[in-house]
């Protein structure tokens, strides 16, 4: 799969999460990462996994972050944003 452009990342973020903002590409070893900065100054990271990456690994990372948020919300850790379709 070819890397996404910042324009494509911006479109996907709006379509799937309802979040609009300025997009900056970030570094990443196995994922493509983008910083989405909204008008109000909030920041979100869009992570795009390689299609060859195990879905189990991606789901495990999300589950771990959700667990941290539920049992220890005071810990500074990335928060998972639910997609508009509920995923």
C-alpha atoms as a PDB file:
ATOM      1  CA  UNK A   1       0.000   0.000   0.000  1.00  0.00           C
ATOM      2  CA  UNK A   2       1.317   3.437  -0.912  1.00  0.00           C
ATOM      3  CA  UNK A   3       1.721   5.918   1.941  1.00  0.00           C
ATOM      4  CA  UNK A   4      -1.154   8.307   2.533  1.00  0.00           C
ATOM      5  CA  UNK A   5      -0.759  11.983   1.773  1.00  0.00           C
ATOM      6  CA  UNK A   6      -1.671  14.582   4.382  1.00  0.00           C
ATOM      7  CA  UNK A   7      -4.723  15.435   2.247  1.00  0.00           C
ATOM      8  CA  UNK A   8      -5.870  11.800   2.305  1.00  0.00           C
ATOM      9  CA  UNK A   9      -5.289  11.629   6.068  1.00  0.00           C
ATOM     10  CA  UNK A  10      -7.336  14.806   6.528  1.00  0.00           C
ATOM     11  CA  UNK A  11     -10.197  13.359   4.454  1.00  0.00           C
ATOM     12  CA  UNK A  12     -10.157  10.023   6.337  1.00  0.00           C
ATOM     13  CA  UNK A  13     -10.102  11.756   9.716  1.00  0.00           C
ATOM     14  CA  UNK A  14     -13.131  13.856   8.819  1.00  0.00           C
ATOM     15  CA  UNK A  15     -15.050  10.948   7.231  1.00  0.00           C
ATOM     16  CA  UNK A  16     -14.393   8.384   9.966  1.00  0.00           C
ATOM     17  CA  UNK A  17     -14.082  10.501  13.120  1.00  0.00           C
ATOM     18  CA  UNK A  18     -15.782  13.808  12.319  1.00  0.00           C
ATOM     19  CA  UNK A  19     -12.555  15.617  13.227  1.00  0.00           C
ATOM     20  CA  UNK A  20     -11.282  18.428  11.043  1.00  0.00           C
ATOM     21  CA  UNK A  21      -7.971  20.198  11.335  1.00  0.00           C
ATOM     22  CA  UNK A  22      -4.500  20.903  10.061  1.00  0.00           C
ATOM     23  CA  UNK A  23      -2.563  17.712   9.322  1.00  0.00           C
ATOM     24  CA  UNK A  24       1.162  17.179   9.820  1.00  0.00           C
ATOM     25  CA  UNK A  25       2.870  13.886   9.044  1.00  0.00           C
ATOM     26  CA  UNK A  26       4.843  12.407  11.945  1.00  0.00           C
ATOM     27  CA  UNK A  27       7.486   9.709  11.937  1.00  0.00           C
ATOM     28  CA  UNK A  28       6.677   6.067  12.466  1.00  0.00           C
ATOM     29  CA  UNK A  29       8.505   2.770  12.332  1.00  0.00           C
ATOM     30  CA  UNK A  30       5.672   0.424  11.336  1.00  0.00           C
ATOM     31  CA  UNK A  31       2.703   2.787  11.129  1.00  0.00           C
ATOM     32  CA  UNK A  32       2.105   6.039   9.345  1.00  0.00           C
ATOM     33  CA  UNK A  33       1.247   8.726  11.896  1.00  0.00           C
ATOM     34  CA  UNK A  34      -0.343  12.134  11.482  1.00  0.00           C
ATOM     35  CA  UNK A  35      -0.948  14.948  13.953  1.00  0.00           C
ATOM     36  CA  UNK A  36      -4.388  16.488  13.497  1.00  0.00           C
ATOM     37  CA  UNK A  37      -4.559  19.941  15.122  1.00  0.00           C
ATOM     38  CA  UNK A  38      -8.121  21.292  15.366  1.00  0.00           C
ATOM     39  CA  UNK A  39      -9.161  24.956  15.346  1.00  0.00           C
ATOM     40  CA  UNK A  40      -9.603  24.924  19.147  1.00  0.00           C
ATOM     41  CA  UNK A  41      -6.021  23.677  19.581  1.00  0.00           C
ATOM     42  CA  UNK A  42      -6.870  20.063  20.420  1.00  0.00           C
ATOM     43  CA  UNK A  43      -4.498  17.487  19.021  1.00  0.00           C
ATOM     44  CA  UNK A  44      -5.195  13.990  17.760  1.00  0.00           C
ATOM     45  CA  UNK A  45      -2.869  11.375  16.304  1.00  0.00           C
ATOM     46  CA  UNK A  46      -4.135   9.335  13.380  1.00  0.00           C
ATOM     47  CA  UNK A  47      -2.299   6.011  13.164  1.00  0.00           C
ATOM     48  CA  UNK A  48      -2.511   4.134   9.873  1.00  0.00           C
ATOM     49  CA  UNK A  49      -1.298   0.558  10.190  1.00  0.00           C
ATOM     50  CA  UNK A  50       0.398  -1.322   7.403  1.00  0.00           C
ATOM     51  CA  UNK A  51      -2.105  -3.793   5.897  1.00  0.00           C
ATOM     52  CA  UNK A  52       0.505  -6.522   6.406  1.00  0.00           C
ATOM     53  CA  UNK A  53       0.541  -5.796  10.152  1.00  0.00           C
ATOM     54  CA  UNK A  54      -1.382  -8.250  12.321  1.00  0.00           C
ATOM     55  CA  UNK A  55      -4.887  -7.034  13.151  1.00  0.00           C
ATOM     56  CA  UNK A  56      -4.482  -8.783  16.514  1.00  0.00           C
ATOM     57  CA  UNK A  57      -1.585  -6.464  17.360  1.00  0.00           C
ATOM     58  CA  UNK A  58      -3.571  -3.356  16.435  1.00  0.00           C
ATOM     59  CA  UNK A  59      -6.566  -4.532  18.481  1.00  0.00           C
ATOM     60  CA  UNK A  60      -4.313  -5.398  21.436  1.00  0.00           C
ATOM     61  CA  UNK A  61      -2.852  -1.880  21.454  1.00  0.00           C
ATOM     62  CA  UNK A  62      -6.341  -0.336  21.430  1.00  0.00           C
ATOM     63  CA  UNK A  63      -7.548  -2.692  24.171  1.00  0.00           C
ATOM     64  CA  UNK A  64      -4.541  -1.831  26.351  1.00  0.00           C
ATOM     65  CA  UNK A  65      -5.138   1.914  25.958  1.00  0.00           C
ATOM     66  CA  UNK A  66      -8.856   1.523  26.737  1.00  0.00           C
ATOM     67  CA  UNK A  67      -7.978  -0.524  29.829  1.00  0.00           C
ATOM     68  CA  UNK A  68      -5.576   2.147  31.099  1.00  0.00           C
ATOM     69  CA  UNK A  69      -8.223   4.820  30.549  1.00  0.00           C
ATOM     70  CA  UNK A  70     -10.834   2.828  32.490  1.00  0.00           C
ATOM     71  CA  UNK A  71      -8.722   1.779  35.490  1.00  0.00           C
ATOM     72  CA  UNK A  72      -6.236   4.642  35.785  1.00  0.00           C
ATOM     73  CA  UNK A  73      -7.482   7.737  33.938  1.00  0.00           C
ATOM     74  CA  UNK A  74      -4.914   9.864  35.769  1.00  0.00           C
ATOM     75  CA  UNK A  75      -2.125   8.207  33.763  1.00  0.00           C
ATOM     76  CA  UNK A  76      -1.046  10.270  30.793  1.00  0.00           C
ATOM     77  CA  UNK A  77      -1.543   7.966  27.825  1.00  0.00           C
ATOM     78  CA  UNK A  78      -3.051   8.286  24.363  1.00  0.00           C
ATOM     79  CA  UNK A  79      -6.844   8.035  24.336  1.00  0.00           C
ATOM     80  CA  UNK A  80      -8.697   5.984  21.746  1.00  0.00           C
ATOM     81  CA  UNK A  81     -11.265   8.003  19.784  1.00  0.00           C
ATOM     82  CA  UNK A  82     -14.324   6.053  18.676  1.00  0.00           C
ATOM     83  CA  UNK A  83     -15.117   6.258  14.965  1.00  0.00           C
ATOM     84  CA  UNK A  84     -18.446   7.645  13.811  1.00  0.00           C
ATOM     85  CA  UNK A  85     -19.587   4.086  12.982  1.00  0.00           C
ATOM     86  CA  UNK A  86     -19.017   3.003  16.597  1.00  0.00           C
ATOM     87  CA  UNK A  87     -15.745   1.137  16.057  1.00  0.00           C
END
